Each structure stands twice: as structure tokens, then as C-alpha cells.
Amino acid sequence: MCFGNLTPTSVRIAVVLLSLSSVGLFQCSRDNAPDPGPGISTVGDTLKTPLNYTDLPDLKPTGFTGFSGRSVAVWQLKMRLKTNQDSITNWGATLGRFIFYDKQLSANGTIACAGCHHQDKAFTDGKAFSTGFLGGQTHFSAMSTVNLGLIEDNDPGYFWDGRAKRLRDQVLAPFQDPTEMGMTLPGLIGKMKSLTYYPALFEKAYGSRDITAPKVADALNQFLLSLISYRSKFHTGTHLKVPSADDRPGEVYVKEFSELENRGYYSYVVGGCDQCHFLDGRLVLQHLSNGVNRQAFKDGKSKIPTLFNIALTAPYMHDGRFTSLGEVIDHYRQGEAVTTIRKEALDPDKIDKEALIAFLKTLTDEELTKDQRFSDPFKK
């Protein structure tokens, strides 16, 4: 990818845009039998024609001038699949979708993985702490499961505290959590064998009706890998340049952005937000305290979430203490966050609150929240 004569800041951002990225918290719907989902009259119809998870747009980075940000997200996932780190098949992802939304796979049939990850909220749940199968609360807020396919498994750390080293290890944990879903792996497999639709789905996905925990993990892995965000205004806009501290007021960075949104993009980069929240959506483990995580995590070390779709994922922080983007920005412009981060990256004097909020809203992928491939197959 050619970036021309860019500033050091521009090169840094451009390189970040090409980094494999993003990982999130996969935490944790009561029916006796599955209901037909949107566009699916019966499970039998699904077995005839699965939805398409593998036909990604033919996009690739070609150069920064006129560069479309969505090509990065698709290109990154394709590179992961090409290097055989993982694979996605239509049947495998379809099976994963059923597992993700199936309430019957919890101890009392009341909650599914999707209970903590709602499509309309960019796969979070709008709560400070999620509710488990018996009404108990989780220890942390549910992080979005979007863009999990854009990180290499050798960049360890799934969940807020990074305890799961691979996505396929992470996806089985909520089933076995005593608060979230309350199952054991043998109990989970036994339950799936008793439901008429799973043997047929496993046969389509793996050529055998045999149901095993590794196959369950693989199917969920495939579904989550396919759940990428690349249709926001930021992704689809024509990127003309990366903001730099040397820029004059009124610079246009993305052709389709308003003046306020372009000013917010400048504020995001020059103010230092991009130093932790990379614009490729990548999540990293940091020992740096942000003023709220010091007591919750060992050495203040926690996952830094992607800000893509951030306007849909309130409340914010690992404990949901902030209910609006304005409150979050205020936190980073004053108090402990300033004293602990400023010397490393943050320059709160350069953060324009109104403009920054406008820019953050350009990171919302509305199509993702309505995409049938990621919707509940049991919902009427």
C-alpha cells in the first residue's frame, strides 16, 4: 500500500489501519422448540440453503488517496483466512449462528450467548453488568463481539482481562460459567444431541452427525469471524489524508464528512485518542491506568476496546459507569485519566468534545445491526 509523502503521524495511522485487529468479550434467548427466523420458514429450509458468509466484497487497499476504509477490514479478514489461521464456511457459520442464539443451551433454557450480545446494540446489551441464567450479574460489562476476526491469535487476550488466549477457547467459557449459562461441556453436548435440528446442522457443516465440543467451538468461531464491521461512514468514505498536528483549521480528511466530523477526526488523532483506540479496531492489553480500571484488573492491565459502533454500545467502561460519550470525553479531559495518560499519549487540550462525538458517530455501521446473517434464527 502506497502512502506517498506522509508525516510520521500519518505513517503511524496508516500502518495501524493495516494491522490485524480487534477482539472482544463473548459473554453470555426460553423456547421449547425453535421458531422460524427472518426469511426462514423452517429449519429444513435453512438446511437447503444457508446464508452466505464467505462471499466477501472484492476489496483491497490500493493507496491512501481515495482509499476506502472498508477495504481494510475485509482485506484483514481475508489475510487471516488465507494464512490458514481459521476458516469460514457457509454451513459452519450457519451452525454457529444457531448456537449463538439458542436459549436451550443454558442450564434452565432462559438465556443464550445473544442474551448479552444484541445485534441492535452492536452485540453488546446496554447494561453495566449482564444478567445470567439465574439472574446473577457478570463481573464486567459485555464487550462487543464485532471484528473478532481482525486479530491474530498470537496477540493474546480475549475477555476484558485477556484470560482466553484463542477465540475458540473463549467461546466455550460462557456455557460453563456458573453465573452466565450454568452448563458443563458434557451437559451442553447432551442437550444439543437431544434437539432435532443440531445433528442435521452438524452433518451439513462437518460431514457427520457427531457433536463434539471442538466442533461447537469451531462453529461459533466461524460465525464470530464473519461478524465484521466495514460499512460505517468512516469505512465507506473517501479518505484524502490523515490528520496531523501541522494541519490548518478546516482541513478535509474524509470527503463525505461534514466540517464538524472532519474537525472531530483531527481532534481524535491529534488529541491522542488513536494512541490506544486504533482506527483498525484492534484491542490491546495495556498496563496503563485510565483512571477507572486500576482496582478491577491486575496491575491495571485490561483490554482496550474498539470504538467502532461506539455510539450503540453504552454504557461505557468495563463497569458501565459512564452513560454517554460526553461523560467519557469529560473523564479523559480532567481528573486521574489526564494525569496517568497525558505523559504517554493524551493531549486533552486538543480534544474538541462536540466535534469528537460527531466523528465517533461516523464509526457506526447501521447495516451490521440489520444484517440477516447475524440475526436471531429463532425469532418470528
Protein backbone atom coordinates (compact mmCIF):
# COMPACT_ATOMS: atom_id res chain seq x y z
CA MET A 1 0.00 0.00 0.00
CA CYS A 2 1.44 3.35 -1.06
CA PHE A 3 1.02 6.36 1.22
CA GLY A 4 3.20 8.93 -0.54
CA ASN A 5 4.92 11.68 1.40
CA LEU A 6 3.06 11.42 4.68
CA THR A 7 4.07 12.81 8.06
CA PRO A 8 5.31 10.45 10.79
CA THR A 9 1.87 10.68 12.39
CA SER A 10 0.27 9.79 9.08
CA VAL A 11 2.52 6.81 8.60
CA ARG A 12 1.74 5.60 12.10
CA ILE A 13 -2.01 5.78 11.50
CA ALA A 14 -1.69 4.19 8.07
CA VAL A 15 0.30 1.29 9.46
CA VAL A 16 -2.24 0.86 12.24
CA LEU A 17 -5.01 0.69 9.64
CA LEU A 18 -3.29 -2.32 8.14
CA SER A 19 -2.71 -4.16 11.40
CA LEU A 20 -4.75 -7.27 12.10
CA SER A 21 -7.26 -6.21 14.69
CA SER A 22 -9.97 -6.33 17.31
CA VAL A 23 -11.07 -8.79 19.96
CA GLY A 24 -13.92 -8.62 22.40
CA LEU A 25 -15.75 -10.15 25.31
CA PHE A 26 -18.04 -13.05 24.43
CA GLN A 27 -20.24 -13.47 27.47
CA CYS A 28 -23.35 -14.78 27.57
CA SER A 29 -32.99 -16.08 24.39
CA ARG A 30 -36.77 -19.64 26.59
CA ASP A 31 -38.42 -21.69 23.91
CA ASN A 32 -39.35 -25.38 23.86
CA ALA A 33 -38.76 -25.54 20.13
CA PRO A 34 -37.07 -23.23 17.65
CA ASP A 35 -39.26 -20.71 15.91
CA PRO A 36 -38.67 -19.78 12.27
CA GLY A 37 -36.43 -16.79 11.86
CA PRO A 38 -36.42 -13.86 9.45
CA GLY A 39 -36.69 -15.25 5.93
CA ILE A 40 -36.55 -18.81 7.24
CA SER A 41 -39.86 -20.68 7.20
CA THR A 42 -38.46 -23.81 8.84
CA VAL A 43 -35.13 -25.20 9.97
CA GLY A 44 -35.50 -27.50 6.98
CA ASP A 45 -35.31 -24.51 4.66
CA THR A 46 -32.06 -23.48 6.31
CA LEU A 47 -30.67 -26.94 5.61
CA LYS A 48 -31.45 -26.47 1.92
CA THR A 49 -29.91 -23.02 1.50
CA PRO A 50 -27.67 -21.45 4.16
CA LEU A 51 -26.97 -17.75 4.24
CA ASN A 52 -23.78 -16.53 2.60
CA TYR A 53 -20.91 -15.84 4.98
CA THR A 54 -18.00 -16.45 2.64
CA ASP A 55 -18.60 -14.13 -0.32
CA LEU A 56 -16.76 -11.08 0.97
CA PRO A 57 -16.55 -7.98 -1.24
CA ASP A 58 -13.55 -7.96 -3.54
CA LEU A 59 -11.82 -5.04 -1.86
CA LYS A 60 -8.18 -4.40 -1.11
CA PRO A 61 -6.08 -1.42 -0.01
CA THR A 62 -4.62 0.33 -3.03
CA GLY A 63 -3.40 3.72 -1.81
CA PHE A 64 -4.31 6.31 0.77
CA THR A 65 -5.63 8.98 -1.60
CA GLY A 66 -9.16 7.95 -2.44
CA PHE A 67 -8.71 4.94 -0.16
CA SER A 68 -11.91 3.34 1.15
CA GLY A 69 -11.59 2.33 4.79
CA ARG A 70 -13.87 -0.69 4.41
CA SER A 71 -11.31 -2.38 2.18
CA VAL A 72 -9.00 -2.65 5.19
CA ALA A 73 -11.50 -4.62 7.30
CA VAL A 74 -12.32 -7.07 4.51
CA TRP A 75 -8.68 -7.36 3.44
CA GLN A 76 -7.58 -8.12 7.01
CA LEU A 77 -10.09 -10.94 7.41
CA LYS A 78 -9.14 -12.39 4.04
CA MET A 79 -5.48 -12.37 5.05
CA ARG A 80 -6.30 -14.26 8.24
CA LEU A 81 -8.21 -16.91 6.29
CA LYS A 82 -5.56 -17.09 3.58
CA THR A 83 -2.85 -17.83 6.13
CA ASN A 84 -4.97 -20.73 7.44
CA GLN A 85 -5.32 -19.29 10.91
CA ASP A 86 -9.03 -20.01 10.61
CA SER A 87 -11.65 -20.80 8.00
CA ILE A 88 -15.25 -19.84 7.38
CA THR A 89 -17.81 -21.97 5.55
CA ASN A 90 -21.46 -21.10 4.99
CA TRP A 91 -22.62 -24.22 6.85
CA GLY A 92 -20.15 -23.76 9.69
CA ALA A 93 -21.14 -20.13 10.28
CA THR A 94 -24.83 -21.04 9.96
CA LEU A 95 -24.41 -23.66 12.68
CA GLY A 96 -22.58 -21.11 14.81
CA ARG A 97 -25.45 -18.66 14.37
CA PHE A 98 -27.94 -21.23 15.72
CA ILE A 99 -25.72 -21.99 18.71
CA PHE A 100 -25.17 -18.29 19.41
CA TYR A 101 -28.93 -17.59 19.61
CA ASP A 102 -30.20 -20.82 21.22
CA LYS A 103 -31.59 -20.29 24.74
CA GLN A 104 -31.98 -24.02 25.22
CA LEU A 105 -28.22 -24.31 25.58
CA SER A 106 -28.26 -22.78 29.08
CA ALA A 107 -28.96 -24.74 32.24
CA ASN A 108 -32.59 -23.63 32.55
CA GLY A 109 -33.30 -22.68 28.92
CA THR A 110 -33.58 -18.95 29.57
CA ILE A 111 -30.51 -17.34 28.01
CA ALA A 112 -28.24 -17.63 25.00
CA CYS A 113 -24.92 -16.10 24.05
CA ALA A 114 -27.02 -13.44 22.32
CA GLY A 115 -28.60 -12.59 25.67
CA CYS A 116 -25.54 -10.44 26.37
CA HIS A 117 -24.81 -9.52 22.76
CA HIS A 118 -27.73 -7.84 20.96
CA GLN A 119 -27.48 -7.13 17.25
CA ASP A 120 -29.17 -3.72 17.51
CA LYS A 121 -26.59 -2.65 20.08
CA ALA A 122 -23.60 -3.79 18.00
CA PHE A 123 -23.55 -7.02 20.01
CA THR A 124 -23.48 -5.51 23.49
CA ASP A 125 -26.53 -5.45 25.80
CA GLY A 126 -26.94 -1.89 27.06
CA LYS A 127 -26.21 -2.85 30.67
CA ALA A 128 -23.41 -2.09 33.06
CA PHE A 129 -23.36 -5.79 34.00
CA SER A 130 -25.03 -8.60 32.09
CA THR A 131 -27.65 -10.90 33.62
CA GLY A 132 -27.06 -14.66 33.79
CA PHE A 133 -29.43 -17.63 33.66
CA LEU A 134 -30.43 -17.33 37.34
CA GLY A 135 -30.50 -13.54 37.40
CA GLY A 136 -26.98 -13.07 38.70
CA GLN A 137 -24.73 -10.38 37.33
CA THR A 138 -21.46 -10.78 35.47
CA HIS A 139 -18.27 -9.16 36.73
CA PHE A 140 -17.85 -6.88 33.72
CA SER A 141 -19.88 -5.14 31.04
CA ALA A 142 -20.36 -7.15 27.84
CA MET A 143 -17.82 -6.08 25.24
CA SER A 144 -18.88 -6.11 21.59
CA THR A 145 -18.22 -9.30 19.61
CA VAL A 146 -17.79 -7.36 16.35
CA ASN A 147 -14.49 -7.65 14.44
CA LEU A 148 -13.13 -10.61 16.40
CA GLY A 149 -11.84 -11.91 13.08
CA LEU A 150 -9.47 -9.00 12.72
CA ILE A 151 -6.90 -10.06 15.29
CA GLU A 152 -4.24 -12.70 15.23
CA ASP A 153 -4.46 -15.39 17.88
CA ASN A 154 -0.80 -14.77 18.71
CA ASP A 155 -1.88 -11.40 20.15
CA PRO A 156 -3.25 -12.98 23.31
CA GLY A 157 -6.12 -11.78 25.35
CA TYR A 158 -9.84 -12.30 24.93
CA PHE A 159 -12.29 -11.04 27.59
CA TRP A 160 -11.63 -7.77 29.40
CA ASP A 161 -8.79 -9.32 31.40
CA GLY A 162 -7.28 -11.22 28.48
CA ARG A 163 -7.53 -14.63 30.15
CA ALA A 164 -8.51 -16.57 26.99
CA LYS A 165 -5.65 -16.83 24.52
CA ARG A 166 -7.67 -18.00 21.49
CA LEU A 167 -11.17 -17.17 20.25
CA ARG A 168 -12.13 -20.85 20.11
CA ASP A 169 -11.13 -21.14 23.78
CA GLN A 170 -13.17 -18.10 24.68
CA VAL A 171 -16.43 -19.18 23.10
CA LEU A 172 -16.92 -22.23 25.34
CA ALA A 173 -16.34 -20.35 28.60
CA PRO A 174 -19.76 -18.65 28.91
CA PHE A 175 -21.57 -22.01 28.68
CA GLN A 176 -19.58 -23.26 31.67
CA ASP A 177 -19.71 -20.07 33.71
CA PRO A 178 -21.84 -20.58 36.88
CA THR A 179 -23.35 -17.10 36.50
CA GLU A 180 -23.79 -16.82 32.75
CA MET A 181 -25.22 -20.09 31.37
CA GLY A 182 -24.51 -22.72 34.04
CA MET A 183 -23.75 -25.70 31.81
CA THR A 184 -20.99 -28.31 31.70
CA LEU A 185 -19.49 -29.37 28.38
CA PRO A 186 -20.96 -32.91 28.65
CA GLY A 187 -24.33 -31.37 29.52
CA LEU A 188 -24.08 -28.97 26.58
CA ILE A 189 -23.27 -31.74 24.11
CA GLY A 190 -26.04 -33.95 25.50
CA LYS A 191 -28.57 -31.13 25.16
CA MET A 192 -27.56 -30.47 21.56
CA LYS A 193 -27.90 -34.15 20.68
CA SER A 194 -31.47 -34.10 22.05
CA LEU A 195 -32.53 -31.21 19.80
CA THR A 196 -33.63 -32.47 16.38
CA TYR A 197 -32.05 -29.69 14.31
CA TYR A 198 -28.46 -29.96 15.55
CA PRO A 199 -27.46 -33.40 14.18
CA ALA A 200 -28.56 -32.27 10.71
CA LEU A 201 -26.73 -28.96 11.01
CA PHE A 202 -23.55 -30.66 12.20
CA GLU A 203 -23.76 -33.08 9.27
CA LYS A 204 -24.00 -30.18 6.83
CA ALA A 205 -21.10 -28.35 8.48
CA TYR A 206 -18.76 -31.28 9.21
CA GLY A 207 -20.00 -34.26 7.21
CA SER A 208 -21.03 -36.15 10.33
CA ARG A 209 -23.86 -36.01 12.87
CA ASP A 210 -21.34 -36.47 15.65
CA ILE A 211 -21.50 -33.49 18.03
CA THR A 212 -18.34 -32.61 19.97
CA ALA A 213 -17.09 -29.63 21.98
CA PRO A 214 -14.31 -28.79 19.48
CA LYS A 215 -16.91 -28.65 16.68
CA VAL A 216 -19.14 -26.39 18.79
CA ALA A 217 -16.18 -24.09 19.38
CA ASP A 218 -15.25 -24.12 15.70
CA ALA A 219 -18.80 -23.29 14.56
CA LEU A 220 -19.04 -20.36 16.96
CA ASN A 221 -15.56 -19.29 15.90
CA GLN A 222 -16.70 -19.23 12.25
CA PHE A 223 -19.84 -17.22 12.99
CA LEU A 224 -17.95 -14.64 15.03
CA LEU A 225 -15.12 -14.38 12.47
CA SER A 226 -17.72 -13.44 9.86
CA LEU A 227 -19.14 -10.67 12.04
CA ILE A 228 -17.06 -7.77 10.77
CA SER A 229 -17.91 -4.08 10.53
CA TYR A 230 -16.96 -2.37 7.28
CA ARG A 231 -19.97 -0.28 6.22
CA SER A 232 -19.81 2.76 8.51
CA LYS A 233 -19.43 6.28 7.14
CA PHE A 234 -15.78 6.16 8.16
CA HIS A 235 -15.27 2.87 6.31
CA THR A 236 -17.03 3.83 3.10
CA GLY A 237 -15.81 7.42 2.92
CA THR A 238 -13.07 8.62 0.58
CA HIS A 239 -10.00 9.20 2.77
CA LEU A 240 -7.88 12.05 1.45
CA LYS A 241 -5.30 12.32 4.22
CA VAL A 242 -4.61 11.51 7.87
CA PRO A 243 -4.89 14.37 10.38
CA SER A 244 -1.63 15.93 11.51
CA ALA A 245 -0.76 18.44 14.22
CA ASP A 246 0.60 20.70 11.47
CA ASP A 247 -2.75 20.92 9.66
CA ARG A 248 -4.59 24.22 9.32
CA PRO A 249 -8.20 24.60 10.53
CA GLY A 250 -10.81 23.43 8.04
CA GLU A 251 -8.80 20.58 6.52
CA VAL A 252 -10.83 17.87 4.79
CA TYR A 253 -9.72 14.36 5.71
CA VAL A 254 -12.70 12.34 4.52
CA LYS A 255 -14.52 13.76 1.51
CA GLU A 256 -18.01 12.75 2.70
CA PHE A 257 -17.57 14.08 6.26
CA SER A 258 -19.18 17.30 7.45
CA GLU A 259 -16.97 20.12 8.70
CA LEU A 260 -17.73 19.06 12.27
CA GLU A 261 -16.90 15.40 11.58
CA ASN A 262 -13.60 16.29 9.92
CA ARG A 263 -12.76 18.52 12.87
CA GLY A 264 -13.60 15.61 15.17
CA TYR A 265 -11.28 13.30 13.20
CA TYR A 266 -8.49 15.83 13.70
CA SER A 267 -9.30 16.01 17.42
CA TYR A 268 -9.27 12.21 17.68
CA VAL A 269 -5.80 11.86 16.18
CA VAL A 270 -4.05 14.99 17.42
CA GLY A 271 -5.65 14.70 20.85
CA GLY A 272 -4.11 11.25 21.19
CA CYS A 273 -7.22 9.04 21.27
CA ASP A 274 -5.73 6.90 18.49
CA GLN A 275 -2.76 6.01 20.68
CA CYS A 276 -4.91 3.43 22.48
CA HIS A 277 -8.07 3.15 20.38
CA PHE A 278 -6.62 2.24 17.00
CA LEU A 279 -8.71 3.02 13.95
CA ASP A 280 -8.37 -0.54 12.74
CA GLY A 281 -10.45 -1.58 15.76
CA ARG A 282 -7.57 -3.52 17.30
CA LEU A 283 -7.78 -4.34 21.00
CA VAL A 284 -4.62 -4.43 23.06
CA LEU A 285 -3.61 -5.20 26.63
CA GLN A 286 -2.22 -2.19 28.45
CA HIS A 287 -0.67 -1.68 31.88
CA LEU A 288 -1.73 1.97 31.67
CA SER A 289 -4.46 3.06 34.07
CA ASN A 290 -7.27 5.11 32.56
CA GLY A 291 -8.49 6.26 35.94
CA VAL A 292 -11.16 3.57 36.34
CA ASN A 293 -9.51 0.17 35.81
CA ARG A 294 -6.76 0.25 38.43
CA GLN A 295 -8.64 -1.71 41.09
CA ALA A 296 -10.57 -4.02 38.73
CA PHE A 297 -7.60 -5.61 36.95
CA LYS A 298 -4.21 -6.88 37.95
CA ASP A 299 -1.67 -4.09 37.58
CA GLY A 300 -4.40 -2.02 35.90
CA LYS A 301 -3.96 -4.20 32.82
CA SER A 302 -7.09 -4.56 30.71
CA LYS A 303 -8.29 -4.84 27.15
CA ILE A 304 -8.78 -1.54 25.34
CA PRO A 305 -11.93 -1.86 23.21
CA THR A 306 -12.55 -0.82 19.64
CA LEU A 307 -14.52 2.37 19.17
CA PHE A 308 -16.28 1.18 16.02
CA ASN A 309 -20.05 1.30 16.68
CA ILE A 310 -19.30 3.05 19.98
CA ALA A 311 -22.44 5.21 19.70
CA LEU A 312 -24.51 1.99 20.06
CA THR A 313 -22.68 0.37 22.96
CA ALA A 314 -23.42 2.49 26.05
CA PRO A 315 -22.87 2.32 28.96
CA TYR A 316 -19.10 2.64 28.79
CA MET A 317 -16.03 1.29 30.58
CA HIS A 318 -15.67 -2.23 31.98
CA ASP A 319 -18.21 -1.42 34.69
CA GLY A 320 -20.60 0.74 32.66
CA ARG A 321 -20.06 3.78 34.86
CA PHE A 322 -20.50 6.33 32.05
CA THR A 323 -23.84 6.53 30.26
CA SER A 324 -22.90 8.86 27.41
CA LEU A 325 -19.98 9.64 25.12
CA GLY A 326 -19.91 13.13 26.59
CA GLU A 327 -19.25 11.73 30.06
CA VAL A 328 -16.43 9.57 28.71
CA ILE A 329 -14.78 12.52 26.99
CA ASP A 330 -15.11 14.65 30.11
CA HIS A 331 -13.35 11.87 32.03
CA TYR A 332 -10.41 11.99 29.65
CA ARG A 333 -10.19 15.78 29.75
CA GLN A 334 -9.93 16.01 33.52
CA GLY A 335 -9.16 14.02 36.66
CA GLU A 336 -6.96 10.94 37.04
CA ALA A 337 -7.19 9.92 33.40
CA VAL A 338 -5.35 13.09 32.44
CA THR A 339 -2.56 12.68 34.97
CA THR A 340 -1.99 8.98 34.22
CA ILE A 341 -2.24 9.06 30.44
CA ARG A 342 -1.21 12.55 29.38
CA LYS A 343 2.53 11.93 29.57
CA GLU A 344 2.10 8.79 27.45
CA ALA A 345 -0.29 9.93 24.73
CA LEU A 346 -3.31 12.03 25.63
CA ASP A 347 -3.42 15.75 25.00
CA PRO A 348 -6.78 16.81 26.45
CA ASP A 349 -6.26 20.44 25.39
CA LYS A 350 -6.63 19.32 21.76
CA ILE A 351 -9.91 17.43 22.32
CA ASP A 352 -12.97 19.23 20.92
CA LYS A 353 -15.89 17.48 22.67
CA GLU A 354 -18.70 18.33 20.21
CA ALA A 355 -16.59 17.55 17.15
CA LEU A 356 -15.17 14.36 18.63
CA ILE A 357 -18.65 12.99 19.35
CA ALA A 358 -19.65 13.77 15.76
CA PHE A 359 -16.62 11.85 14.49
CA LEU A 360 -17.25 8.87 16.78
CA LYS A 361 -20.76 8.59 15.31
CA THR A 362 -19.22 8.12 11.84
CA LEU A 363 -17.87 4.81 13.14
CA THR A 364 -21.41 3.33 13.36
CA ASP A 365 -22.24 0.50 10.93
CA GLU A 366 -26.05 0.58 10.75
CA GLU A 367 -26.16 -2.21 8.15
CA LEU A 368 -24.47 -4.54 10.60
CA THR A 369 -27.35 -4.08 13.03
CA LYS A 370 -29.86 -5.22 10.38
CA ASP A 371 -27.87 -7.88 8.52
CA GLN A 372 -29.95 -11.09 8.35
CA ARG A 373 -26.85 -13.27 8.54
CA PHE A 374 -26.28 -12.12 12.10
CA SER A 375 -29.92 -12.08 13.22
CA ASP A 376 -31.81 -14.47 15.51
CA PRO A 377 -32.86 -17.58 13.50
CA PHE A 378 -35.44 -18.48 16.18
CA LYS A 379 -37.24 -15.12 16.13
CA LYS A 380 -40.64 -14.85 14.43
